[in-house]
Amino acid sequence: AANRQVNKTFVFLIWFLTGLFVFSL
């Protein structure tokens, strides 16, 4: 019921910021 498409910019930002966070730590 909650399944929606997300745009590529959102996907990129999520992965970039979480990856940067983990890599920095």
PDB file of all heavy atoms in Angstrom:
ATOM      1  N   ALA A   1       0.828  -1.211   0.000  1.00  0.00           N
ATOM      2  CA  ALA A   1       0.000   0.000   0.000  1.00  0.00           C
ATOM      3  C   ALA A   1       0.860   1.258   0.000  1.00  0.00           C
ATOM      4  O   ALA A   1       0.465   2.287  -0.549  1.00  0.00           O
ATOM      5  CB  ALA A   1      -0.926  -0.008   1.205  1.00  0.00           C
ATOM      6  N   ALA A   2       2.035   1.203   0.613  1.00  0.00           N
ATOM      7  CA  ALA A   2       2.892   2.390   0.712  1.00  0.00           C
ATOM      8  C   ALA A   2       3.927   2.461  -0.409  1.00  0.00           C
ATOM      9  O   ALA A   2       4.769   3.350  -0.409  1.00  0.00           O
ATOM     10  CB  ALA A   2       3.605   2.396   2.054  1.00  0.00           C
ATOM     11  N   ASN A   3       3.891   1.560  -1.354  1.00  0.00           N
ATOM     12  CA  ASN A   3       4.915   1.483  -2.387  1.00  0.00           C
ATOM     13  C   ASN A   3       4.716   2.580  -3.442  1.00  0.00           C
ATOM     14  O   ASN A   3       3.735   2.589  -4.160  1.00  0.00           O
ATOM     15  CB  ASN A   3       4.891   0.100  -3.040  1.00  0.00           C
ATOM     16  CG  ASN A   3       6.157  -0.171  -3.811  1.00  0.00           C
ATOM     17  OD1 ASN A   3       7.139   0.551  -3.676  1.00  0.00           O
ATOM     18  ND2 ASN A   3       6.138  -1.197  -4.622  1.00  0.00           N
ATOM     19  N   ARG A   4       5.672   3.495  -3.510  1.00  0.00           N
ATOM     20  CA  ARG A   4       5.646   4.583  -4.488  1.00  0.00           C
ATOM     21  C   ARG A   4       7.030   4.675  -5.118  1.00  0.00           C
ATOM     22  O   ARG A   4       8.020   4.245  -4.544  1.00  0.00           O
ATOM     23  CB  ARG A   4       5.325   5.911  -3.802  1.00  0.00           C
ATOM     24  CG  ARG A   4       3.983   5.946  -3.115  1.00  0.00           C
ATOM     25  CD  ARG A   4       3.844   7.237  -2.337  1.00  0.00           C
ATOM     26  NE  ARG A   4       4.758   7.261  -1.209  1.00  0.00           N
ATOM     27  CZ  ARG A   4       4.369   7.240   0.063  1.00  0.00           C
ATOM     28  NH1 ARG A   4       3.105   7.241   0.380  1.00  0.00           N
ATOM     29  NH2 ARG A   4       5.247   7.263   1.039  1.00  0.00           N
ATOM     30  N   GLN A   5       7.084   5.274  -6.271  1.00  0.00           N
ATOM     31  CA  GLN A   5       8.368   5.505  -6.933  1.00  0.00           C
ATOM     32  C   GLN A   5       9.028   6.746  -6.332  1.00  0.00           C
ATOM     33  O   GLN A   5       8.349   7.707  -5.978  1.00  0.00           O
ATOM     34  CB  GLN A   5       8.162   5.702  -8.439  1.00  0.00           C
ATOM     35  CG  GLN A   5       7.701   4.458  -9.168  1.00  0.00           C
ATOM     36  CD  GLN A   5       8.728   3.329  -9.098  1.00  0.00           C
ATOM     37  OE1 GLN A   5       9.921   3.546  -9.229  1.00  0.00           O
ATOM     38  NE2 GLN A   5       8.255   2.115  -8.871  1.00  0.00           N
ATOM     39  N   VAL A   6      10.340   6.700  -6.203  1.00  0.00           N
ATOM     40  CA  VAL A   6      11.094   7.864  -5.745  1.00  0.00           C
ATOM     41  C   VAL A   6      12.029   8.294  -6.866  1.00  0.00           C
ATOM     42  O   VAL A   6      12.491   7.473  -7.659  1.00  0.00           O
ATOM     43  CB  VAL A   6      11.890   7.580  -4.452  1.00  0.00           C
ATOM     44  CG1 VAL A   6      10.964   7.409  -3.267  1.00  0.00           C
ATOM     45  CG2 VAL A   6      12.767   6.359  -4.591  1.00  0.00           C
ATOM     46  N   ASN A   7      12.299   9.603  -6.929  1.00  0.00           N
ATOM     47  CA  ASN A   7      13.129  10.087  -8.033  1.00  0.00           C
ATOM     48  C   ASN A   7      14.608   9.792  -7.784  1.00  0.00           C
ATOM     49  O   ASN A   7      15.036   9.516  -6.660  1.00  0.00           O
ATOM     50  CB  ASN A   7      12.863  11.569  -8.316  1.00  0.00           C
ATOM     51  CG  ASN A   7      13.301  12.458  -7.188  1.00  0.00           C
ATOM     52  OD1 ASN A   7      14.386  12.297  -6.647  1.00  0.00           O
ATOM     53  ND2 ASN A   7      12.470  13.418  -6.831  1.00  0.00           N
ATOM     54  N   LYS A   8      15.378   9.873  -8.841  1.00  0.00           N
ATOM     55  CA  LYS A   8      16.799   9.518  -8.796  1.00  0.00           C
ATOM     56  C   LYS A   8      17.593  10.460  -7.904  1.00  0.00           C
ATOM     57  O   LYS A   8      18.568  10.045  -7.275  1.00  0.00           O
ATOM     58  CB  LYS A   8      17.379   9.495 -10.202  1.00  0.00           C
ATOM     59  CG  LYS A   8      16.844   8.357 -11.038  1.00  0.00           C
ATOM     60  CD  LYS A   8      17.406   8.375 -12.434  1.00  0.00           C
ATOM     61  CE  LYS A   8      16.783   7.246 -13.241  1.00  0.00           C
ATOM     62  NZ  LYS A   8      17.237   7.228 -14.616  1.00  0.00           N
ATOM     63  N   THR A   9      17.198  11.701  -7.834  1.00  0.00           N
ATOM     64  CA  THR A   9      17.898  12.667  -6.980  1.00  0.00           C
ATOM     65  C   THR A   9      17.771  12.260  -5.516  1.00  0.00           C
ATOM     66  O   THR A   9      18.752  12.288  -4.762  1.00  0.00           O
ATOM     67  CB  THR A   9      17.333  14.086  -7.185  1.00  0.00           C
ATOM     68  OG1 THR A   9      17.430  14.414  -8.566  1.00  0.00           O
ATOM     69  CG2 THR A   9      18.086  15.101  -6.361  1.00  0.00           C
ATOM     70  N   PHE A  10      16.579  11.869  -5.105  1.00  0.00           N
ATOM     71  CA  PHE A  10      16.357  11.423  -3.731  1.00  0.00           C
ATOM     72  C   PHE A  10      17.185  10.182  -3.430  1.00  0.00           C
ATOM     73  O   PHE A  10      17.837  10.100  -2.392  1.00  0.00           O
ATOM     74  CB  PHE A  10      14.866  11.150  -3.503  1.00  0.00           C
ATOM     75  CG  PHE A  10      14.528  10.777  -2.092  1.00  0.00           C
ATOM     76  CD1 PHE A  10      14.436  11.738  -1.105  1.00  0.00           C
ATOM     77  CD2 PHE A  10      14.294   9.443  -1.754  1.00  0.00           C
ATOM     78  CE1 PHE A  10      14.129  11.393   0.202  1.00  0.00           C
ATOM     79  CE2 PHE A  10      13.980   9.093  -0.456  1.00  0.00           C
ATOM     80  CZ  PHE A  10      13.898  10.070   0.527  1.00  0.00           C
ATOM     81  N   VAL A  11      17.166   9.223  -4.342  1.00  0.00           N
ATOM     82  CA  VAL A  11      17.935   7.989  -4.159  1.00  0.00           C
ATOM     83  C   VAL A  11      19.426   8.316  -4.038  1.00  0.00           C
ATOM     84  O   VAL A  11      20.119   7.814  -3.142  1.00  0.00           O
ATOM     85  CB  VAL A  11      17.688   6.997  -5.322  1.00  0.00           C
ATOM     86  CG1 VAL A  11      18.614   5.787  -5.225  1.00  0.00           C
ATOM     87  CG2 VAL A  11      16.235   6.566  -5.357  1.00  0.00           C
ATOM     88  N   PHE A  12      19.921   9.171  -4.918  1.00  0.00           N
ATOM     89  CA  PHE A  12      21.334   9.547  -4.880  1.00  0.00           C
ATOM     90  C   PHE A  12      21.684  10.211  -3.549  1.00  0.00           C
ATOM     91  O   PHE A  12      22.688   9.869  -2.925  1.00  0.00           O
ATOM     92  CB  PHE A  12      21.685  10.486  -6.035  1.00  0.00           C
ATOM     93  CG  PHE A  12      23.070  11.055  -5.924  1.00  0.00           C
ATOM     94  CD1 PHE A  12      24.169  10.281  -6.262  1.00  0.00           C
ATOM     95  CD2 PHE A  12      23.279  12.337  -5.447  1.00  0.00           C
ATOM     96  CE1 PHE A  12      25.460  10.787  -6.132  1.00  0.00           C
ATOM     97  CE2 PHE A  12      24.558  12.849  -5.317  1.00  0.00           C
ATOM     98  CZ  PHE A  12      25.655  12.067  -5.659  1.00  0.00           C
ATOM     99  N   LEU A  13      20.870  11.168  -3.114  1.00  0.00           N
ATOM    100  CA  LEU A  13      21.154  11.881  -1.861  1.00  0.00           C
ATOM    101  C   LEU A  13      21.156  10.940  -0.661  1.00  0.00           C
ATOM    102  O   LEU A  13      22.036  11.033   0.198  1.00  0.00           O
ATOM    103  CB  LEU A  13      20.150  13.009  -1.640  1.00  0.00           C
ATOM    104  CG  LEU A  13      20.380  14.255  -2.464  1.00  0.00           C
ATOM    105  CD1 LEU A  13      19.252  15.254  -2.237  1.00  0.00           C
ATOM    106  CD2 LEU A  13      21.723  14.889  -2.134  1.00  0.00           C
ATOM    107  N   ILE A  14      20.199  10.043  -0.613  1.00  0.00           N
ATOM    108  CA  ILE A  14      20.154   9.083   0.503  1.00  0.00           C
ATOM    109  C   ILE A  14      21.425   8.239   0.536  1.00  0.00           C
ATOM    110  O   ILE A  14      22.083   8.114   1.564  1.00  0.00           O
ATOM    111  CB  ILE A  14      18.910   8.170   0.394  1.00  0.00           C
ATOM    112  CG1 ILE A  14      17.644   8.938   0.718  1.00  0.00           C
ATOM    113  CG2 ILE A  14      19.040   6.945   1.292  1.00  0.00           C
ATOM    114  CD1 ILE A  14      17.504   9.335   2.173  1.00  0.00           C
ATOM    115  N   TRP A  15      21.788   7.658  -0.608  1.00  0.00           N
ATOM    116  CA  TRP A  15      22.971   6.793  -0.629  1.00  0.00           C
ATOM    117  C   TRP A  15      24.264   7.578  -0.451  1.00  0.00           C
ATOM    118  O   TRP A  15      25.182   7.120   0.232  1.00  0.00           O
ATOM    119  CB  TRP A  15      23.021   5.955  -1.910  1.00  0.00           C
ATOM    120  CG  TRP A  15      22.090   4.798  -1.829  1.00  0.00           C
ATOM    121  CD1 TRP A  15      20.977   4.585  -2.579  1.00  0.00           C
ATOM    122  CD2 TRP A  15      22.173   3.693  -0.927  1.00  0.00           C
ATOM    123  NE1 TRP A  15      20.370   3.417  -2.194  1.00  0.00           N
ATOM    124  CE2 TRP A  15      21.082   2.847  -1.186  1.00  0.00           C
ATOM    125  CE3 TRP A  15      23.066   3.333   0.079  1.00  0.00           C
ATOM    126  CZ2 TRP A  15      20.856   1.665  -0.481  1.00  0.00           C
ATOM    127  CZ3 TRP A  15      22.840   2.158   0.777  1.00  0.00           C
ATOM    128  CH2 TRP A  15      21.758   1.347   0.494  1.00  0.00           C
ATOM    129  N   PHE A  16      24.349   8.746  -1.056  1.00  0.00           N
ATOM    130  CA  PHE A  16      25.554   9.552  -0.930  1.00  0.00           C
ATOM    131  C   PHE A  16      25.779   9.963   0.518  1.00  0.00           C
ATOM    132  O   PHE A  16      26.876   9.803   1.058  1.00  0.00           O
ATOM    133  CB  PHE A  16      25.477  10.785  -1.836  1.00  0.00           C
ATOM    134  CG  PHE A  16      26.659  11.689  -1.698  1.00  0.00           C
ATOM    135  CD1 PHE A  16      27.881  11.344  -2.240  1.00  0.00           C
ATOM    136  CD2 PHE A  16      26.560  12.894  -1.004  1.00  0.00           C
ATOM    137  CE1 PHE A  16      28.989  12.167  -2.101  1.00  0.00           C
ATOM    138  CE2 PHE A  16      27.657  13.721  -0.859  1.00  0.00           C
ATOM    139  CZ  PHE A  16      28.875  13.364  -1.411  1.00  0.00           C
ATOM    140  N   LEU A  17      24.750  10.496   1.155  1.00  0.00           N
ATOM    141  CA  LEU A  17      24.907  10.988   2.530  1.00  0.00           C
ATOM    142  C   LEU A  17      25.114   9.859   3.530  1.00  0.00           C
ATOM    143  O   LEU A  17      25.964   9.970   4.421  1.00  0.00           O
ATOM    144  CB  LEU A  17      23.716  11.851   2.933  1.00  0.00           C
ATOM    145  CG  LEU A  17      23.631  13.191   2.204  1.00  0.00           C
ATOM    146  CD1 LEU A  17      22.328  13.899   2.538  1.00  0.00           C
ATOM    147  CD2 LEU A  17      24.822  14.073   2.543  1.00  0.00           C
ATOM    148  N   THR A  18      24.395   8.756   3.393  1.00  0.00           N
ATOM    149  CA  THR A  18      24.622   7.649   4.322  1.00  0.00           C
ATOM    150  C   THR A  18      25.991   7.009   4.091  1.00  0.00           C
ATOM    151  O   THR A  18      26.681   6.659   5.043  1.00  0.00           O
ATOM    152  CB  THR A  18      23.505   6.583   4.231  1.00  0.00           C
ATOM    153  OG1 THR A  18      23.375   6.150   2.884  1.00  0.00           O
ATOM    154  CG2 THR A  18      22.190   7.113   4.739  1.00  0.00           C
ATOM    155  N   GLY A  19      26.391   6.879   2.837  1.00  0.00           N
ATOM    156  CA  GLY A  19      27.726   6.343   2.544  1.00  0.00           C
ATOM    157  C   GLY A  19      28.830   7.246   3.046  1.00  0.00           C
ATOM    158  O   GLY A  19      29.824   6.786   3.624  1.00  0.00           O
ATOM    159  N   LEU A  20      28.666   8.542   2.850  1.00  0.00           N
ATOM    160  CA  LEU A  20      29.649   9.508   3.332  1.00  0.00           C
ATOM    161  C   LEU A  20      29.741   9.479   4.851  1.00  0.00           C
ATOM    162  O   LEU A  20      30.831   9.538   5.426  1.00  0.00           O
ATOM    163  CB  LEU A  20      29.276  10.916   2.847  1.00  0.00           C
ATOM    164  CG  LEU A  20      30.227  12.043   3.210  1.00  0.00           C
ATOM    165  CD1 LEU A  20      31.604  11.816   2.580  1.00  0.00           C
ATOM    166  CD2 LEU A  20      29.640  13.379   2.751  1.00  0.00           C
ATOM    167  N   PHE A  21      28.607   9.357   5.508  1.00  0.00           N
ATOM    168  CA  PHE A  21      28.573   9.274   6.964  1.00  0.00           C
ATOM    169  C   PHE A  21      29.354   8.061   7.458  1.00  0.00           C
ATOM    170  O   PHE A  21      30.254   8.184   8.295  1.00  0.00           O
ATOM    171  CB  PHE A  21      27.116   9.204   7.427  1.00  0.00           C
ATOM    172  CG  PHE A  21      26.931   8.899   8.878  1.00  0.00           C
ATOM    173  CD1 PHE A  21      27.393   9.753   9.861  1.00  0.00           C
ATOM    174  CD2 PHE A  21      26.262   7.744   9.263  1.00  0.00           C
ATOM    175  CE1 PHE A  21      27.203   9.471  11.204  1.00  0.00           C
ATOM    176  CE2 PHE A  21      26.062   7.459  10.599  1.00  0.00           C
ATOM    177  CZ  PHE A  21      26.533   8.319  11.569  1.00  0.00           C
ATOM    178  N   VAL A  22      29.058   6.900   6.927  1.00  0.00           N
ATOM    179  CA  VAL A  22      29.719   5.672   7.372  1.00  0.00           C
ATOM    180  C   VAL A  22      31.209   5.706   7.027  1.00  0.00           C
ATOM    181  O   VAL A  22      32.060   5.359   7.862  1.00  0.00           O
ATOM    182  CB  VAL A  22      29.025   4.428   6.763  1.00  0.00           C
ATOM    183  CG1 VAL A  22      29.819   3.159   7.033  1.00  0.00           C
ATOM    184  CG2 VAL A  22      27.606   4.306   7.287  1.00  0.00           C
ATOM    185  N   PHE A  23      31.541   6.149   5.832  1.00  0.00           N
ATOM    186  CA  PHE A  23      32.947   6.233   5.425  1.00  0.00           C
ATOM    187  C   PHE A  23      33.719   7.210   6.313  1.00  0.00           C
ATOM    188  O   PHE A  23      34.856   6.930   6.710  1.00  0.00           O
ATOM    189  CB  PHE A  23      33.057   6.651   3.955  1.00  0.00           C
ATOM    190  CG  PHE A  23      34.465   6.806   3.477  1.00  0.00           C
ATOM    191  CD1 PHE A  23      35.250   5.689   3.231  1.00  0.00           C
ATOM    192  CD2 PHE A  23      35.017   8.070   3.307  1.00  0.00           C
ATOM    193  CE1 PHE A  23      36.568   5.835   2.797  1.00  0.00           C
ATOM    194  CE2 PHE A  23      36.323   8.218   2.885  1.00  0.00           C
ATOM    195  CZ  PHE A  23      37.107   7.095   2.632  1.00  0.00           C
ATOM    196  N   SER A  24      33.111   8.342   6.638  1.00  0.00           N
ATOM    197  CA  SER A  24      33.768   9.336   7.492  1.00  0.00           C
ATOM    198  C   SER A  24      34.025   8.777   8.887  1.00  0.00           C
ATOM    199  O   SER A  24      35.114   8.952   9.449  1.00  0.00           O
ATOM    200  CB  SER A  24      32.914  10.602   7.605  1.00  0.00           C
ATOM    201  OG  SER A  24      32.743  11.186   6.355  1.00  0.00           O
ATOM    202  N   LEU A  25      33.032   8.099   9.443  1.00  0.00           N
ATOM    203  CA  LEU A  25      33.222   7.494  10.762  1.00  0.00           C
ATOM    204  C   LEU A  25      34.306   6.428  10.734  1.00  0.00           C
ATOM    205  O   LEU A  25      35.179   6.394  11.607  1.00  0.00           O
ATOM    206  CB  LEU A  25      31.909   6.898  11.279  1.00  0.00           C
ATOM    207  CG  LEU A  25      30.849   7.878  11.738  1.00  0.00           C
ATOM    208  CD1 LEU A  25      29.588   7.128  12.147  1.00  0.00           C
ATOM    209  CD2 LEU A  25      31.340   8.745  12.867  1.00  0.00           C
TER     210      LEU A  25
END
